[in-house]
Amino acid sequence: MSESKQSNSLWGVFKSVAASVFGVQSHQNYENDFQQKSFVPFLLVGIVFVIALILGLVAVVNIALN
């Protein structure tokens, strides 16, 4: 599968957002993301990912404190 096809898939966008959030994305993938036609999938997946990360951390803290 080509790089552009992979970035357009939901799984490709999720992997790209996750790598960016954790700071481990390669420069080549970073540039490939910016060559995409639309940023909307990255924005939506990014928002959902950050909300899920925050809720996960809140759950872990609540479990640890109880």
Protein backbone atom coordinates (compact mmCIF):
# COMPACT_ATOMS: atom_id res chain seq x y z
CA MET A 1 0.00 0.00 0.00
CA SER A 2 1.39 3.43 -0.86
CA GLU A 3 2.09 6.07 1.76
CA SER A 4 -0.66 8.42 0.54
CA LYS A 5 -3.26 5.61 0.59
CA GLN A 6 -2.21 4.61 4.09
CA SER A 7 -2.49 8.18 5.41
CA ASN A 8 -5.99 8.53 3.96
CA SER A 9 -7.31 5.47 5.78
CA LEU A 10 -8.75 5.86 9.24
CA TRP A 11 -6.08 3.55 10.68
CA GLY A 12 -3.33 5.55 8.95
CA VAL A 13 -4.67 8.82 10.33
CA PHE A 14 -4.96 7.31 13.82
CA LYS A 15 -1.36 6.03 13.69
CA SER A 16 -0.13 9.40 12.50
CA VAL A 17 -1.98 11.30 15.23
CA ALA A 18 -0.83 8.88 17.94
CA ALA A 19 2.79 9.13 16.79
CA SER A 20 2.54 12.93 16.75
CA VAL A 21 0.99 13.12 20.22
CA PHE A 22 3.76 10.96 21.69
CA GLY A 23 6.47 12.71 19.65
CA VAL A 24 7.76 9.67 17.79
CA GLN A 25 6.60 10.39 14.23
CA SER A 26 9.26 10.30 11.51
CA HIS A 27 10.00 13.41 9.49
CA GLN A 28 8.92 11.62 6.31
CA ASN A 29 5.48 10.78 7.74
CA TYR A 30 5.18 14.33 9.10
CA GLU A 31 5.76 15.77 5.63
CA ASN A 32 3.42 13.22 4.06
CA ASP A 33 0.63 14.30 6.44
CA PHE A 34 1.02 17.93 5.37
CA GLN A 35 0.73 16.94 1.70
CA GLN A 36 -2.78 15.54 2.20
CA LYS A 37 -5.70 17.39 0.61
CA SER A 38 -7.64 17.88 3.84
CA PHE A 39 -6.66 18.31 7.45
CA VAL A 40 -10.18 17.50 8.73
CA PRO A 41 -9.59 13.76 9.34
CA PHE A 42 -6.44 14.56 11.32
CA LEU A 43 -8.30 17.22 13.32
CA LEU A 44 -11.23 14.96 14.17
CA VAL A 45 -9.07 11.96 15.09
CA GLY A 46 -6.77 14.25 17.09
CA ILE A 47 -9.65 15.67 19.12
CA VAL A 48 -11.09 12.22 19.82
CA PHE A 49 -7.62 10.87 20.70
CA VAL A 50 -6.88 13.68 23.16
CA ILE A 51 -10.31 13.37 24.81
CA ALA A 52 -9.82 9.59 25.15
CA LEU A 53 -6.33 10.12 26.58
CA ILE A 54 -7.62 12.60 29.17
CA LEU A 55 -10.54 10.35 30.14
CA GLY A 56 -8.16 7.40 30.43
CA LEU A 57 -5.83 9.35 32.71
CA VAL A 58 -8.76 10.52 34.86
CA ALA A 59 -9.95 6.91 35.17
CA VAL A 60 -6.48 5.69 36.17
CA VAL A 61 -6.19 8.43 38.83
CA ASN A 62 -9.67 7.68 40.18
CA ILE A 63 -8.85 3.97 40.42
CA ALA A 64 -5.55 4.73 42.13
CA LEU A 65 -7.17 7.04 44.66
CA ASN A 66 -9.96 4.65 45.61
